[in-house]
Amino acid sequence: MLKDLAREQEQNTGRVNISELSRETGLDRKTVRRYLRSDHPLETPHTRNKPSKLDPYKPYIQE
């Protein structure tokens, strides 16, 4: 997706504006640059699903 946007922008303007791509996608400039430089799609980091510290107190909070 991001490489398609970059390719389209390059065809229209002759260059790739990373800041503009960043604004369009909502990603940080450095992330956009890293995606464009990589040969293969980058995987998103997996996050742990851990319980909240407030879980034991939720019934009390919701009262």
C-alpha atoms as a PDB file:
ATOM      1  CA  MET A   1       0.000   0.000   0.000  1.00  0.00           C
ATOM      2  CA  LEU A   2       2.651   2.503   1.023  1.00  0.00           C
ATOM      3  CA  LYS A   3       4.902   1.610  -1.882  1.00  0.00           C
ATOM      4  CA  ASP A   4       1.940   2.064  -4.241  1.00  0.00           C
ATOM      5  CA  LEU A   5       1.353   5.564  -2.863  1.00  0.00           C
ATOM      6  CA  ALA A   6       5.054   6.362  -3.251  1.00  0.00           C
ATOM      7  CA  ARG A   7       5.088   5.045  -6.810  1.00  0.00           C
ATOM      8  CA  GLU A   8       2.017   7.133  -7.696  1.00  0.00           C
ATOM      9  CA  GLN A   9       3.520  10.240  -6.115  1.00  0.00           C
ATOM     10  CA  GLU A  10       6.787   9.706  -7.972  1.00  0.00           C
ATOM     11  CA  GLN A  11       4.944   9.424 -11.295  1.00  0.00           C
ATOM     12  CA  ASN A  12       3.009  12.618 -10.619  1.00  0.00           C
ATOM     13  CA  THR A  13       5.762  14.830  -9.201  1.00  0.00           C
ATOM     14  CA  GLY A  14       8.982  13.064 -10.152  1.00  0.00           C
ATOM     15  CA  ARG A  15      10.015  12.476  -6.546  1.00  0.00           C
ATOM     16  CA  VAL A  16       8.780  10.915  -3.317  1.00  0.00           C
ATOM     17  CA  ASN A  17       7.915  13.272  -0.470  1.00  0.00           C
ATOM     18  CA  ILE A  18       8.189  11.239   2.719  1.00  0.00           C
ATOM     19  CA  SER A  19       6.593  13.960   4.850  1.00  0.00           C
ATOM     20  CA  GLU A  20       3.534  14.052   2.616  1.00  0.00           C
ATOM     21  CA  LEU A  21       3.235  10.258   2.647  1.00  0.00           C
ATOM     22  CA  SER A  22       3.527  10.418   6.418  1.00  0.00           C
ATOM     23  CA  ARG A  23       0.626  12.857   6.657  1.00  0.00           C
ATOM     24  CA  GLU A  24      -1.524  10.786   4.276  1.00  0.00           C
ATOM     25  CA  THR A  25      -0.961   7.504   6.104  1.00  0.00           C
ATOM     26  CA  GLY A  26      -0.748   8.768   9.678  1.00  0.00           C
ATOM     27  CA  LEU A  27       2.621   7.059  10.162  1.00  0.00           C
ATOM     28  CA  ASP A  28       5.801   8.682  11.417  1.00  0.00           C
ATOM     29  CA  ARG A  29       8.309   9.900   8.798  1.00  0.00           C
ATOM     30  CA  LYS A  30      10.923   7.435  10.001  1.00  0.00           C
ATOM     31  CA  THR A  31       8.470   4.550   9.724  1.00  0.00           C
ATOM     32  CA  VAL A  32       7.570   5.562   6.168  1.00  0.00           C
ATOM     33  CA  ARG A  33      11.257   5.771   5.263  1.00  0.00           C
ATOM     34  CA  ARG A  34      11.915   2.346   6.794  1.00  0.00           C
ATOM     35  CA  TYR A  35       9.016   0.792   4.846  1.00  0.00           C
ATOM     36  CA  LEU A  36      10.187   2.325   1.578  1.00  0.00           C
ATOM     37  CA  ARG A  37      13.796   1.194   2.054  1.00  0.00           C
ATOM     38  CA  SER A  38      12.922  -2.415   2.901  1.00  0.00           C
ATOM     39  CA  ASP A  39      12.740  -5.111   0.248  1.00  0.00           C
ATOM     40  CA  HIS A  40      10.069  -7.102   2.042  1.00  0.00           C
ATOM     41  CA  PRO A  41       7.028  -5.950   4.000  1.00  0.00           C
ATOM     42  CA  LEU A  42       7.827  -5.271   7.619  1.00  0.00           C
ATOM     43  CA  GLU A  43       5.882  -7.120  10.255  1.00  0.00           C
ATOM     44  CA  THR A  44       4.091  -5.176  12.914  1.00  0.00           C
ATOM     45  CA  PRO A  45       5.379  -5.975  16.385  1.00  0.00           C
ATOM     46  CA  HIS A  46       3.207  -8.341  18.344  1.00  0.00           C
ATOM     47  CA  THR A  47       1.939  -6.934  21.608  1.00  0.00           C
ATOM     48  CA  ARG A  48       1.074  -8.890  24.686  1.00  0.00           C
ATOM     49  CA  ASN A  49      -2.459  -8.914  25.941  1.00  0.00           C
ATOM     50  CA  LYS A  50      -1.948  -8.520  29.645  1.00  0.00           C
ATOM     51  CA  PRO A  51      -4.590  -7.602  32.170  1.00  0.00           C
ATOM     52  CA  SER A  52      -4.873  -4.065  33.435  1.00  0.00           C
ATOM     53  CA  LYS A  53      -3.681  -3.217  36.919  1.00  0.00           C
ATOM     54  CA  LEU A  54      -7.149  -1.864  37.546  1.00  0.00           C
ATOM     55  CA  ASP A  55      -8.995  -5.079  36.601  1.00  0.00           C
ATOM     56  CA  PRO A  56      -9.427  -6.205  40.218  1.00  0.00           C
ATOM     57  CA  TYR A  57     -11.029  -2.848  41.043  1.00  0.00           C
ATOM     58  CA  LYS A  58     -13.336  -2.466  38.021  1.00  0.00           C
ATOM     59  CA  PRO A  59     -16.522  -3.469  39.836  1.00  0.00           C
ATOM     60  CA  TYR A  60     -15.811  -0.883  42.513  1.00  0.00           C
ATOM     61  CA  ILE A  61     -14.969   1.814  39.963  1.00  0.00           C
ATOM     62  CA  GLN A  62     -18.112   1.155  37.924  1.00  0.00           C
ATOM     63  CA  GLU A  63     -20.407   1.612  40.952  1.00  0.00           C
END
